[in-house]
Amino acid sequence: MPQFIRQTALTYEQIAEFLKLHLTSLPHCLLANDLGFLASKGDTRAEQKLVELLGSDDSPTQYAAYHCLKNLPSPLIGTVTALSTFAADPRHAALLDPPAEAVY
């Protein structure tokens, strides 16, 4: 199981407020990572917010939210359903499938 590492020292409430503001100075994918940390510690509000971020228009945010949720030790039933729905959507294949070849 991967370890989640905090990127900020923000509380859940502060993260939720920043997500509402749509600030470009604080990328949502960074906030999604911190929500993943909080969710891994059992914060169901953070887990539910990550599920909401799966519907984001921002691919890096969707990717971060998906992988944080995918790596939770005991996801909620609604989370499992949301992950399955997200993964089944062909629009997300590029986010979820590893590239056939890496370029260095």
Protein backbone atom coordinates (compact mmCIF):
# COMPACT_ATOMS: atom_id res chain seq x y z
CA MET A 1 0.00 0.00 0.00
CA PRO A 2 1.49 3.36 -1.01
CA GLN A 3 2.16 5.95 1.66
CA PHE A 4 0.42 9.30 1.27
CA ILE A 5 2.64 12.33 1.83
CA ARG A 6 1.22 15.76 2.63
CA GLN A 7 2.03 18.57 0.22
CA THR A 8 0.54 21.32 2.42
CA ALA A 9 -0.40 21.81 6.06
CA LEU A 10 -3.98 22.81 5.21
CA THR A 11 -6.96 21.44 7.12
CA TYR A 12 -9.89 19.80 5.34
CA GLU A 13 -11.92 23.00 5.76
CA GLN A 14 -9.15 25.12 4.21
CA ILE A 15 -8.76 22.70 1.30
CA ALA A 16 -12.52 22.71 0.66
CA GLU A 17 -12.50 26.53 0.67
CA PHE A 18 -9.56 26.72 -1.76
CA LEU A 19 -11.33 24.29 -4.09
CA LYS A 20 -14.36 26.60 -4.18
CA LEU A 21 -12.18 29.62 -5.07
CA HIS A 22 -10.60 28.04 -8.18
CA LEU A 23 -7.24 29.67 -7.48
CA THR A 24 -4.57 28.98 -10.07
CA SER A 25 -1.79 29.61 -7.55
CA LEU A 26 -2.70 26.41 -5.70
CA PRO A 27 -3.30 23.56 -8.17
CA HIS A 28 -6.28 21.37 -7.39
CA CYS A 29 -4.21 18.23 -8.04
CA LEU A 30 -2.00 19.27 -5.10
CA LEU A 31 -5.09 19.69 -2.93
CA ALA A 32 -6.40 16.31 -4.13
CA ASN A 33 -3.18 14.75 -2.90
CA ASP A 34 -3.73 16.21 0.58
CA LEU A 35 -7.34 15.04 0.53
CA GLY A 36 -5.95 11.57 -0.24
CA PHE A 37 -3.76 11.80 2.86
CA LEU A 38 -6.73 12.82 5.01
CA ALA A 39 -8.94 10.12 3.48
CA SER A 40 -6.27 7.49 4.16
CA LYS A 41 -6.52 8.48 7.83
CA GLY A 42 -10.28 7.84 7.79
CA ASP A 43 -11.67 11.30 6.96
CA THR A 44 -14.82 10.42 4.98
CA ARG A 45 -15.39 14.09 4.08
CA ALA A 46 -12.04 14.09 2.27
CA GLU A 47 -12.93 10.83 0.52
CA GLN A 48 -16.26 12.26 -0.64
CA LYS A 49 -14.54 15.43 -1.87
CA LEU A 50 -12.12 13.27 -3.90
CA VAL A 51 -15.10 11.51 -5.50
CA GLU A 52 -16.42 14.96 -6.46
CA LEU A 53 -13.03 15.81 -8.01
CA LEU A 54 -13.34 12.83 -10.35
CA GLY A 55 -15.83 15.06 -12.20
CA SER A 56 -13.33 17.90 -12.53
CA ASP A 57 -12.54 19.40 -15.93
CA ASP A 58 -8.84 19.27 -15.03
CA SER A 59 -7.11 16.02 -16.02
CA PRO A 60 -4.29 16.24 -13.43
CA THR A 61 -6.90 16.74 -10.70
CA GLN A 62 -8.94 13.77 -11.95
CA TYR A 63 -5.80 11.63 -12.10
CA ALA A 64 -4.72 12.59 -8.57
CA ALA A 65 -8.22 12.01 -7.18
CA TYR A 66 -8.55 8.65 -8.93
CA HIS A 67 -5.24 7.30 -7.69
CA CYS A 68 -5.76 8.58 -4.15
CA LEU A 69 -9.15 6.87 -4.03
CA LYS A 70 -7.81 3.71 -5.68
CA ASN A 71 -5.19 3.36 -2.95
CA LEU A 72 -7.44 3.84 0.08
CA PRO A 73 -7.29 0.85 2.42
CA SER A 74 -11.08 0.70 3.03
CA PRO A 75 -13.01 2.87 0.56
CA LEU A 76 -16.69 3.59 1.05
CA ILE A 77 -19.18 1.67 -1.14
CA GLY A 78 -20.01 4.87 -3.03
CA THR A 79 -16.32 5.40 -3.71
CA VAL A 80 -15.93 1.92 -5.19
CA THR A 81 -18.92 2.58 -7.46
CA ALA A 82 -17.56 5.98 -8.52
CA LEU A 83 -14.13 4.48 -9.29
CA SER A 84 -15.70 1.75 -11.43
CA THR A 85 -17.82 4.26 -13.32
CA PHE A 86 -14.84 6.57 -13.86
CA ALA A 87 -12.59 3.73 -15.06
CA ALA A 88 -15.25 2.39 -17.44
CA ASP A 89 -15.60 5.73 -19.23
CA PRO A 90 -13.49 5.65 -22.44
CA ARG A 91 -12.73 9.37 -22.05
CA HIS A 92 -10.52 8.49 -19.10
CA ALA A 93 -8.52 5.73 -20.75
CA ALA A 94 -5.55 8.01 -21.41
CA LEU A 95 -5.43 8.94 -17.72
CA LEU A 96 -5.57 5.37 -16.47
CA ASP A 97 -3.65 3.32 -19.01
CA PRO A 98 0.14 3.47 -18.82
CA PRO A 99 1.83 4.56 -22.05
CA ALA A 100 2.97 1.76 -24.34
CA GLU A 101 6.42 3.31 -24.52
CA ALA A 102 8.26 5.75 -22.30
CA VAL A 103 10.28 8.57 -23.83
CA TYR A 104 13.34 9.72 -21.93
